[in-house]
Amino acid sequence: MGTPDVVLYNILFSDQTKNVDSIQSEIQMEASNLKIGMGKLAKNKLISVDKKTKAIKLTEAAIAEYAQWSKDQAKDDLQLVKSNALKYTDTQLAEDQLE
């Protein structure tokens, strides 16, 4: 699926008429994860939220930065770590390597 901020960004980029409730039900994301995604996007001034209707919209800056925000680098990095970890079964350090 991906990190909450990138998942939310991509949903909003494809449809600017979403609100918090419709996004949560559409992607079945836990409220806490949605809040994390919204927080990161808000911190970077990429979304605006209408408190009355709970409508979420991407800012013009967010739309202009599509190439940067649509790619989930954290997810890619974690998959790389996982695939490399699966290659190496003996990851214990010998006692003399700790000194």
PDB file of N, CA and C in Angstrom:
ATOM      1  N   MET A   1       0.826  -1.184   0.000  1.00  0.00           N
ATOM      2  CA  MET A   1       0.000   0.000   0.000  1.00  0.00           C
ATOM      3  C   MET A   1       0.872   1.250   0.000  1.00  0.00           C
ATOM      4  N   GLY A   2       1.720   1.437   0.983  1.00  0.00           N
ATOM      5  CA  GLY A   2       2.587   2.600   0.996  1.00  0.00           C
ATOM      6  C   GLY A   2       2.468   3.408   2.268  1.00  0.00           C
ATOM      7  N   THR A   3       3.285   4.430   2.366  1.00  0.00           N
ATOM      8  CA  THR A   3       3.230   5.292   3.536  1.00  0.00           C
ATOM      9  C   THR A   3       1.978   6.156   3.473  1.00  0.00           C
ATOM     10  N   PRO A   4       1.411   6.501   4.627  1.00  0.00           N
ATOM     11  CA  PRO A   4       0.128   7.216   4.646  1.00  0.00           C
ATOM     12  C   PRO A   4       0.132   8.525   3.871  1.00  0.00           C
ATOM     13  N   ASP A   5       1.223   9.281   3.932  1.00  0.00           N
ATOM     14  CA  ASP A   5       1.252  10.567   3.238  1.00  0.00           C
ATOM     15  C   ASP A   5       1.234  10.405   1.726  1.00  0.00           C
ATOM     16  N   VAL A   6       1.970   9.427   1.207  1.00  0.00           N
ATOM     17  CA  VAL A   6       2.015   9.221  -0.243  1.00  0.00           C
ATOM     18  C   VAL A   6       0.705   8.629  -0.744  1.00  0.00           C
ATOM     19  N   VAL A   7       0.135   7.702   0.005  1.00  0.00           N
ATOM     20  CA  VAL A   7      -1.162   7.128  -0.375  1.00  0.00           C
ATOM     21  C   VAL A   7      -2.212   8.239  -0.441  1.00  0.00           C
ATOM     22  N   LEU A   8      -2.264   9.071   0.582  1.00  0.00           N
ATOM     23  CA  LEU A   8      -3.228  10.172   0.623  1.00  0.00           C
ATOM     24  C   LEU A   8      -2.968  11.156  -0.506  1.00  0.00           C
ATOM     25  N   TYR A   9      -1.722  11.500  -0.736  1.00  0.00           N
ATOM     26  CA  TYR A   9      -1.375  12.436  -1.809  1.00  0.00           C
ATOM     27  C   TYR A   9      -1.884  11.920  -3.152  1.00  0.00           C
ATOM     28  N   ASN A  10      -1.608  10.666  -3.458  1.00  0.00           N
ATOM     29  CA  ASN A  10      -2.016  10.103  -4.751  1.00  0.00           C
ATOM     30  C   ASN A  10      -3.527  10.036  -4.907  1.00  0.00           C
ATOM     31  N   ILE A  11      -4.227   9.751  -3.830  1.00  0.00           N
ATOM     32  CA  ILE A  11      -5.693   9.748  -3.899  1.00  0.00           C
ATOM     33  C   ILE A  11      -6.222  11.151  -4.183  1.00  0.00           C
ATOM     34  N   LEU A  12      -5.686  12.122  -3.479  1.00  0.00           N
ATOM     35  CA  LEU A  12      -6.127  13.499  -3.678  1.00  0.00           C
ATOM     36  C   LEU A  12      -5.740  14.019  -5.059  1.00  0.00           C
ATOM     37  N   PHE A  13      -4.607  13.597  -5.559  1.00  0.00           N
ATOM     38  CA  PHE A  13      -4.183  14.040  -6.887  1.00  0.00           C
ATOM     39  C   PHE A  13      -5.138  13.518  -7.952  1.00  0.00           C
ATOM     40  N   SER A  14      -5.647  12.303  -7.757  1.00  0.00           N
ATOM     41  CA  SER A  14      -6.555  11.718  -8.751  1.00  0.00           C
ATOM     42  C   SER A  14      -7.984  12.229  -8.617  1.00  0.00           C
ATOM     43  N   ASP A  15      -8.363  12.718  -7.421  1.00  0.00           N
ATOM     44  CA  ASP A  15      -9.737  13.198  -7.216  1.00  0.00           C
ATOM     45  C   ASP A  15      -9.744  14.244  -6.113  1.00  0.00           C
ATOM     46  N   GLN A  16      -9.929  15.482  -6.497  1.00  0.00           N
ATOM     47  CA  GLN A  16      -9.878  16.601  -5.551  1.00  0.00           C
ATOM     48  C   GLN A  16     -11.193  16.826  -4.798  1.00  0.00           C
ATOM     49  N   THR A  17     -12.144  15.918  -4.905  1.00  0.00           N
ATOM     50  CA  THR A  17     -13.438  16.107  -4.240  1.00  0.00           C
ATOM     51  C   THR A  17     -13.598  15.205  -3.020  1.00  0.00           C
ATOM     52  N   LYS A  18     -12.530  14.793  -2.427  1.00  0.00           N
ATOM     53  CA  LYS A  18     -12.587  13.852  -1.300  1.00  0.00           C
ATOM     54  C   LYS A  18     -12.656  14.581   0.030  1.00  0.00           C
ATOM     55  N   ASN A  19     -13.233  13.876   1.008  1.00  0.00           N
ATOM     56  CA  ASN A  19     -13.169  14.355   2.382  1.00  0.00           C
ATOM     57  C   ASN A  19     -12.588  13.234   3.243  1.00  0.00           C
ATOM     58  N   VAL A  20     -12.324  13.537   4.483  1.00  0.00           N
ATOM     59  CA  VAL A  20     -11.657  12.583   5.372  1.00  0.00           C
ATOM     60  C   VAL A  20     -12.418  11.254   5.433  1.00  0.00           C
ATOM     61  N   ASP A  21     -13.720  11.314   5.608  1.00  0.00           N
ATOM     62  CA  ASP A  21     -14.505  10.082   5.746  1.00  0.00           C
ATOM     63  C   ASP A  21     -14.478   9.230   4.477  1.00  0.00           C
ATOM     64  N   SER A  22     -14.607   9.860   3.307  1.00  0.00           N
ATOM     65  CA  SER A  22     -14.626   9.081   2.062  1.00  0.00           C
ATOM     66  C   SER A  22     -13.258   8.466   1.780  1.00  0.00           C
ATOM     67  N   ILE A  23     -12.206   9.176   2.113  1.00  0.00           N
ATOM     68  CA  ILE A  23     -10.860   8.616   1.913  1.00  0.00           C
ATOM     69  C   ILE A  23     -10.639   7.428   2.827  1.00  0.00           C
ATOM     70  N   GLN A  24     -11.020   7.575   4.072  1.00  0.00           N
ATOM     71  CA  GLN A  24     -10.814   6.497   5.040  1.00  0.00           C
ATOM     72  C   GLN A  24     -11.567   5.241   4.625  1.00  0.00           C
ATOM     73  N   SER A  25     -12.793   5.381   4.151  1.00  0.00           N
ATOM     74  CA  SER A  25     -13.557   4.202   3.753  1.00  0.00           C
ATOM     75  C   SER A  25     -13.068   3.636   2.421  1.00  0.00           C
ATOM     76  N   GLU A  26     -12.626   4.511   1.522  1.00  0.00           N
ATOM     77  CA  GLU A  26     -12.166   4.061   0.205  1.00  0.00           C
ATOM     78  C   GLU A  26     -10.914   3.204   0.286  1.00  0.00           C
ATOM     79  N   ILE A  27      -9.961   3.625   1.073  1.00  0.00           N
ATOM     80  CA  ILE A  27      -8.698   2.883   1.127  1.00  0.00           C
ATOM     81  C   ILE A  27      -8.572   2.034   2.387  1.00  0.00           C
ATOM     82  N   GLN A  28      -9.584   2.077   3.227  1.00  0.00           N
ATOM     83  CA  GLN A  28      -9.609   1.299   4.463  1.00  0.00           C
ATOM     84  C   GLN A  28      -8.357   1.553   5.302  1.00  0.00           C
ATOM     85  N   MET A  29      -8.024   2.833   5.442  1.00  0.00           N
ATOM     86  CA  MET A  29      -6.887   3.233   6.250  1.00  0.00           C
ATOM     87  C   MET A  29      -7.378   3.566   7.652  1.00  0.00           C
ATOM     88  N   GLU A  30      -6.642   3.112   8.644  1.00  0.00           N
ATOM     89  CA  GLU A  30      -7.011   3.430  10.021  1.00  0.00           C
ATOM     90  C   GLU A  30      -6.953   4.939  10.221  1.00  0.00           C
ATOM     91  N   ALA A  31      -7.815   5.440  11.078  1.00  0.00           N
ATOM     92  CA  ALA A  31      -7.878   6.875  11.336  1.00  0.00           C
ATOM     93  C   ALA A  31      -6.540   7.424  11.802  1.00  0.00           C
ATOM     94  N   SER A  32      -5.817   6.659  12.608  1.00  0.00           N
ATOM     95  CA  SER A  32      -4.517   7.134  13.099  1.00  0.00           C
ATOM     96  C   SER A  32      -3.510   7.288  11.963  1.00  0.00           C
ATOM     97  N   ASN A  33      -3.524   6.365  11.007  1.00  0.00           N
ATOM     98  CA  ASN A  33      -2.622   6.465   9.866  1.00  0.00           C
ATOM     99  C   ASN A  33      -3.012   7.609   8.940  1.00  0.00           C
ATOM    100  N   LEU A  34      -4.294   7.817   8.765  1.00  0.00           N
ATOM    101  CA  LEU A  34      -4.761   8.933   7.951  1.00  0.00           C
ATOM    102  C   LEU A  34      -4.331  10.253   8.583  1.00  0.00           C
ATOM    103  N   LYS A  35      -4.415  10.314   9.888  1.00  0.00           N
ATOM    104  CA  LYS A  35      -3.999  11.520  10.610  1.00  0.00           C
ATOM    105  C   LYS A  35      -2.498  11.772  10.415  1.00  0.00           C
ATOM    106  N   ILE A  36      -1.703  10.718  10.431  1.00  0.00           N
ATOM    107  CA  ILE A  36      -0.262  10.843  10.195  1.00  0.00           C
ATOM    108  C   ILE A  36      -0.007  11.389   8.792  1.00  0.00           C
ATOM    109  N   GLY A  37      -0.676  10.811   7.811  1.00  0.00           N
ATOM    110  CA  GLY A  37      -0.518  11.267   6.424  1.00  0.00           C
ATOM    111  C   GLY A  37      -0.935  12.713   6.252  1.00  0.00           C
ATOM    112  N   MET A  38      -2.062  13.061   6.836  1.00  0.00           N
ATOM    113  CA  MET A  38      -2.536  14.449   6.760  1.00  0.00           C
ATOM    114  C   MET A  38      -1.560  15.388   7.455  1.00  0.00           C
ATOM    115  N   GLY A  39      -1.031  14.953   8.579  1.00  0.00           N
ATOM    116  CA  GLY A  39      -0.088  15.785   9.322  1.00  0.00           C
ATOM    117  C   GLY A  39       1.172  16.087   8.524  1.00  0.00           C
ATOM    118  N   LYS A  40       1.701  15.065   7.875  1.00  0.00           N
ATOM    119  CA  LYS A  40       2.923  15.276   7.091  1.00  0.00           C
ATOM    120  C   LYS A  40       2.648  16.184   5.900  1.00  0.00           C
ATOM    121  N   LEU A  41       1.535  15.969   5.217  1.00  0.00           N
ATOM    122  CA  LEU A  41       1.208  16.819   4.077  1.00  0.00           C
ATOM    123  C   LEU A  41       0.905  18.255   4.515  1.00  0.00           C
ATOM    124  N   ALA A  42       0.221  18.402   5.649  1.00  0.00           N
ATOM    125  CA  ALA A  42      -0.085  19.747   6.162  1.00  0.00           C
ATOM    126  C   ALA A  42       1.187  20.460   6.592  1.00  0.00           C
ATOM    127  N   LYS A  43       2.100  19.739   7.226  1.00  0.00           N
ATOM    128  CA  LYS A  43       3.371  20.320   7.672  1.00  0.00           C
ATOM    129  C   LYS A  43       4.148  20.899   6.490  1.00  0.00           C
ATOM    130  N   ASN A  44       4.057  20.226   5.360  1.00  0.00           N
ATOM    131  CA  ASN A  44       4.747  20.680   4.152  1.00  0.00           C
ATOM    132  C   ASN A  44       3.883  21.615   3.298  1.00  0.00           C
ATOM    133  N   LYS A  45       2.746  22.033   3.857  1.00  0.00           N
ATOM    134  CA  LYS A  45       1.824  22.963   3.183  1.00  0.00           C
ATOM    135  C   LYS A  45       1.360  22.429   1.824  1.00  0.00           C
ATOM    136  N   LEU A  46       1.036  21.142   1.799  1.00  0.00           N
ATOM    137  CA  LEU A  46       0.608  20.504   0.559  1.00  0.00           C
ATOM    138  C   LEU A  46      -0.896  20.266   0.507  1.00  0.00           C
ATOM    139  N   ILE A  47      -1.577  20.394   1.652  1.00  0.00           N
ATOM    140  CA  ILE A  47      -3.027  20.226   1.667  1.00  0.00           C
ATOM    141  C   ILE A  47      -3.670  21.358   2.454  1.00  0.00           C
ATOM    142  N   SER A  48      -4.942  21.552   2.160  1.00  0.00           N
ATOM    143  CA  SER A  48      -5.771  22.431   2.978  1.00  0.00           C
ATOM    144  C   SER A  48      -7.005  21.625   3.358  1.00  0.00           C
ATOM    145  N   VAL A  49      -7.481  21.833   4.573  1.00  0.00           N
ATOM    146  CA  VAL A  49      -8.634  21.078   5.076  1.00  0.00           C
ATOM    147  C   VAL A  49      -9.718  22.058   5.495  1.00  0.00           C
ATOM    148  N   ASP A  50     -10.923  21.851   4.968  1.00  0.00           N
ATOM    149  CA  ASP A  50     -12.075  22.643   5.376  1.00  0.00           C
ATOM    150  C   ASP A  50     -12.629  21.985   6.636  1.00  0.00           C
ATOM    151  N   LYS A  51     -12.512  22.661   7.760  1.00  0.00           N
ATOM    152  CA  LYS A  51     -12.902  22.054   9.038  1.00  0.00           C
ATOM    153  C   LYS A  51     -14.397  21.745   9.113  1.00  0.00           C
ATOM    154  N   LYS A  52     -15.206  22.503   8.412  1.00  0.00           N
ATOM    155  CA  LYS A  52     -16.649  22.285   8.461  1.00  0.00           C
ATOM    156  C   LYS A  52     -17.063  21.033   7.678  1.00  0.00           C
ATOM    157  N   THR A  53     -16.562  20.903   6.460  1.00  0.00           N
ATOM    158  CA  THR A  53     -16.956  19.776   5.613  1.00  0.00           C
ATOM    159  C   THR A  53     -15.951  18.630   5.635  1.00  0.00           C
ATOM    160  N   LYS A  54     -14.794  18.842   6.257  1.00  0.00           N
ATOM    161  CA  LYS A  54     -13.691  17.876   6.290  1.00  0.00           C
ATOM    162  C   LYS A  54     -13.129  17.596   4.890  1.00  0.00           C
ATOM    163  N   ALA A  55     -13.375  18.508   3.946  1.00  0.00           N
ATOM    164  CA  ALA A  55     -12.843  18.335   2.592  1.00  0.00           C
ATOM    165  C   ALA A  55     -11.346  18.609   2.602  1.00  0.00           C
ATOM    166  N   ILE A  56     -10.613  17.760   1.909  1.00  0.00           N
ATOM    167  CA  ILE A  56      -9.162  17.891   1.818  1.00  0.00           C
ATOM    168  C   ILE A  56      -8.807  18.195   0.363  1.00  0.00           C
ATOM    169  N   LYS A  57      -7.991  19.218   0.168  1.00  0.00           N
ATOM    170  CA  LYS A  57      -7.556  19.561  -1.180  1.00  0.00           C
ATOM    171  C   LYS A  57      -6.055  19.769  -1.197  1.00  0.00           C
ATOM    172  N   LEU A  58      -5.464  19.395  -2.315  1.00  0.00           N
ATOM    173  CA  LEU A  58      -4.050  19.668  -2.511  1.00  0.00           C
ATOM    174  C   LEU A  58      -3.868  21.148  -2.833  1.00  0.00           C
ATOM    175  N   THR A  59      -2.784  21.716  -2.352  1.00  0.00           N
ATOM    176  CA  THR A  59      -2.469  23.100  -2.685  1.00  0.00           C
ATOM    177  C   THR A  59      -1.839  23.138  -4.081  1.00  0.00           C
ATOM    178  N   GLU A  60      -1.716  24.330  -4.627  1.00  0.00           N
ATOM    179  CA  GLU A  60      -1.072  24.468  -5.933  1.00  0.00           C
ATOM    180  C   GLU A  60       0.373  23.983  -5.884  1.00  0.00           C
ATOM    181  N   ALA A  61       1.048  24.245  -4.770  1.00  0.00           N
ATOM    182  CA  ALA A  61       2.432  23.775  -4.619  1.00  0.00           C
ATOM    183  C   ALA A  61       2.499  22.251  -4.669  1.00  0.00           C
ATOM    184  N   ALA A  62       1.519  21.590  -4.068  1.00  0.00           N
ATOM    185  CA  ALA A  62       1.496  20.126  -4.061  1.00  0.00           C
ATOM    186  C   ALA A  62       1.311  19.568  -5.462  1.00  0.00           C
ATOM    187  N   ILE A  63       0.467  20.210  -6.221  1.00  0.00           N
ATOM    188  CA  ILE A  63       0.227  19.751  -7.598  1.00  0.00           C
ATOM    189  C   ILE A  63       1.480  19.967  -8.438  1.00  0.00           C
ATOM    190  N   ALA A  64       2.157  21.087  -8.209  1.00  0.00           N
ATOM    191  CA  ALA A  64       3.383  21.386  -8.955  1.00  0.00           C
ATOM    192  C   ALA A  64       4.510  20.413  -8.595  1.00  0.00           C
ATOM    193  N   GLU A  65       4.475  19.841  -7.398  1.00  0.00           N
ATOM    194  CA  GLU A  65       5.531  18.941  -6.942  1.00  0.00           C
ATOM    195  C   GLU A  65       5.133  17.462  -7.079  1.00  0.00           C
ATOM    196  N   TYR A  66       4.292  17.149  -8.056  1.00  0.00           N
ATOM    197  CA  TYR A  66       3.800  15.785  -8.225  1.00  0.00           C
ATOM    198  C   TYR A  66       4.926  14.759  -8.335  1.00  0.00           C
ATOM    199  N   ALA A  67       5.941  15.051  -9.109  1.00  0.00           N
ATOM    200  CA  ALA A  67       7.030  14.079  -9.317  1.00  0.00           C
ATOM    201  C   ALA A  67       7.708  13.710  -8.000  1.00  0.00           C
ATOM    202  N   GLN A  68       7.830  14.676  -7.108  1.00  0.00           N
ATOM    203  CA  GLN A  68       8.486  14.419  -5.823  1.00  0.00           C
ATOM    204  C   GLN A  68       7.577  13.672  -4.866  1.00  0.00           C
ATOM    205  N   TRP A  69       6.320  14.057  -4.766  1.00  0.00           N
ATOM    206  CA  TRP A  69       5.433  13.510  -3.740  1.00  0.00           C
ATOM    207  C   TRP A  69       4.683  12.257  -4.154  1.00  0.00           C
ATOM    208  N   SER A  70       4.618  11.943  -5.420  1.00  0.00           N
ATOM    209  CA  SER A  70       3.872  10.754  -5.840  1.00  0.00           C
ATOM    210  C   SER A  70       4.685   9.476  -5.679  1.00  0.00           C
ATOM    211  N   LYS A  71       5.990   9.593  -5.552  1.00  0.00           N
ATOM    212  CA  LYS A  71       6.859   8.424  -5.393  1.00  0.00           C
ATOM    213  C   LYS A  71       7.083   8.164  -3.906  1.00  0.00           C
ATOM    214  N   ASP A  72       6.901   6.936  -3.510  1.00  0.00           N
ATOM    215  CA  ASP A  72       7.023   6.553  -2.102  1.00  0.00           C
ATOM    216  C   ASP A  72       8.435   6.040  -1.826  1.00  0.00           C
ATOM    217  N   GLN A  73       9.369   6.959  -1.616  1.00  0.00           N
ATOM    218  CA  GLN A  73      10.773   6.598  -1.416  1.00  0.00           C
ATOM    219  C   GLN A  73      10.969   5.757  -0.152  1.00  0.00           C
ATOM    220  N   ALA A  74      10.239   6.066   0.904  1.00  0.00           N
ATOM    221  CA  ALA A  74      10.377   5.303   2.149  1.00  0.00           C
ATOM    222  C   ALA A  74       9.985   3.846   1.928  1.00  0.00           C
ATOM    223  N   LYS A  75       8.906   3.619   1.204  1.00  0.00           N
ATOM    224  CA  LYS A  75       8.467   2.256   0.922  1.00  0.00           C
ATOM    225  C   LYS A  75       9.515   1.524   0.084  1.00  0.00           C
ATOM    226  N   ASP A  76      10.049   2.201  -0.921  1.00  0.00           N
ATOM    227  CA  ASP A  76      11.080   1.594  -1.766  1.00  0.00           C
ATOM    228  C   ASP A  76      12.323   1.238  -0.953  1.00  0.00           C
ATOM    229  N   ASP A  77      12.726   2.141  -0.057  1.00  0.00           N
ATOM    230  CA  ASP A  77      13.899   1.890   0.781  1.00  0.00           C
ATOM    231  C   ASP A  77      13.686   0.689   1.696  1.00  0.00           C
ATOM    232  N   LEU A  78      12.504   0.596   2.283  1.00  0.00           N
ATOM    233  CA  LEU A  78      12.217  -0.530   3.178  1.00  0.00           C
ATOM    234  C   LEU A  78      12.179  -1.855   2.425  1.00  0.00           C
ATOM    235  N   GLN A  79      11.650  -1.839   1.211  1.00  0.00           N
ATOM    236  CA  GLN A  79      11.640  -3.061   0.407  1.00  0.00           C
ATOM    237  C   GLN A  79      13.061  -3.492   0.055  1.00  0.00           C
ATOM    238  N   LEU A  80      13.939  -2.533  -0.206  1.00  0.00           N
ATOM    239  CA  LEU A  80      15.337  -2.840  -0.497  1.00  0.00           C
ATOM    240  C   LEU A  80      16.015  -3.459   0.722  1.00  0.00           C
ATOM    241  N   VAL A  81      15.777  -2.890   1.886  1.00  0.00           N
ATOM    242  CA  VAL A  81      16.348  -3.432   3.120  1.00  0.00           C
ATOM    243  C   VAL A  81      15.847  -4.861   3.346  1.00  0.00           C
ATOM    244  N   LYS A  82      14.559  -5.069   3.146  1.00  0.00           N
ATOM    245  CA  LYS A  82      13.981  -6.403   3.346  1.00  0.00           C
ATOM    246  C   LYS A  82      14.575  -7.409   2.366  1.00  0.00           C
ATOM    247  N   SER A  83      14.678  -7.024   1.102  1.00  0.00           N
ATOM    248  CA  SER A  83      15.218  -7.969   0.119  1.00  0.00           C
ATOM    249  C   SER A  83      16.684  -8.286   0.399  1.00  0.00           C
ATOM    250  N   ASN A  84      17.434  -7.302   0.847  1.00  0.00           N
ATOM    251  CA  ASN A  84      18.834  -7.561   1.198  1.00  0.00           C
ATOM    252  C   ASN A  84      18.936  -8.415   2.452  1.00  0.00           C
ATOM    253  N   ALA A  85      18.064  -8.198   3.416  1.00  0.00           N
ATOM    254  CA  ALA A  85      18.085  -8.987   4.651  1.00  0.00           C
ATOM    255  C   ALA A  85      17.777 -10.451   4.362  1.00  0.00           C
ATOM    256  N   LEU A  86      16.909 -10.709   3.405  1.00  0.00           N
ATOM    257  CA  LEU A  86      16.566 -12.091   3.067  1.00  0.00           C
ATOM    258  C   LEU A  86      17.735 -12.830   2.408  1.00  0.00           C
ATOM    259  N   LYS A  87      18.652 -12.087   1.798  1.00  0.00           N
ATOM    260  CA  LYS A  87      19.812 -12.707   1.156  1.00  0.00           C
ATOM    261  C   LYS A  87      20.828 -13.205   2.168  1.00  0.00           C
ATOM    262  N   TYR A  88      20.879 -12.561   3.319  1.00  0.00           N
ATOM    263  CA  TYR A  88      21.893 -12.863   4.311  1.00  0.00           C
ATOM    264  C   TYR A  88      21.248 -13.425   5.574  1.00  0.00           C
ATOM    265  N   THR A  89      21.493 -14.698   5.825  1.00  0.00           N
ATOM    266  CA  THR A  89      20.885 -15.319   6.994  1.00  0.00           C
ATOM    267  C   THR A  89      21.760 -15.199   8.218  1.00  0.00           C
ATOM    268  N   ASP A  90      23.072 -15.113   8.031  1.00  0.00           N
ATOM    269  CA  ASP A  90      23.991 -15.022   9.162  1.00  0.00           C
ATOM    270  C   ASP A  90      24.363 -13.554   9.374  1.00  0.00           C
ATOM    271  N   THR A  91      23.596 -12.886  10.215  1.00  0.00           N
ATOM    272  CA  THR A  91      23.840 -11.459  10.436  1.00  0.00           C
ATOM    273  C   THR A  91      24.426 -11.197  11.817  1.00  0.00           C
ATOM    274  N   GLN A  92      24.825 -12.245  12.525  1.00  0.00           N
ATOM    275  CA  GLN A  92      25.413 -12.088  13.843  1.00  0.00           C
ATOM    276  C   GLN A  92      26.873 -11.665  13.708  1.00  0.00           C
ATOM    277  N   LEU A  93      27.296 -10.761  14.544  1.00  0.00           N
ATOM    278  CA  LEU A  93      28.700 -10.341  14.570  1.00  0.00           C
ATOM    279  C   LEU A  93      29.467 -11.226  15.556  1.00  0.00           C
ATOM    280  N   ALA A  94      30.659 -11.581  15.153  1.00  0.00           N
ATOM    281  CA  ALA A  94      31.535 -12.342  16.050  1.00  0.00           C
ATOM    282  C   ALA A  94      31.979 -11.415  17.170  1.00  0.00           C
ATOM    283  N   GLU A  95      32.333 -12.007  18.311  1.00  0.00           N
ATOM    284  CA  GLU A  95      32.741 -11.222  19.479  1.00  0.00           C
ATOM    285  C   GLU A  95      33.909 -10.284  19.148  1.00  0.00           C
ATOM    286  N   ASP A  96      34.869 -10.760  18.357  1.00  0.00           N
ATOM    287  CA  ASP A  96      36.028  -9.917  18.028  1.00  0.00           C
ATOM    288  C   ASP A  96      35.689  -8.767  17.083  1.00  0.00           C
ATOM    289  N   GLN A  97      34.550  -8.833  16.390  1.00  0.00           N
ATOM    290  CA  GLN A  97      34.121  -7.756  15.511  1.00  0.00           C
ATOM    291  C   GLN A  97      33.507  -6.595  16.282  1.00  0.00           C
ATOM    292  N   LEU A  98      33.141  -6.822  17.514  1.00  0.00           N
ATOM    293  CA  LEU A  98      32.505  -5.792  18.331  1.00  0.00           C
ATOM    294  C   LEU A  98      33.508  -4.836  18.947  1.00  0.00           C
ATOM    295  N   GLU A  99      34.764  -5.207  18.963  1.00  0.00           N
ATOM    296  CA  GLU A  99      35.800  -4.379  19.610  1.00  0.00           C
ATOM    297  C   GLU A  99      36.341  -3.325  18.700  1.00  0.00           C
TER     298      GLU A  99
END
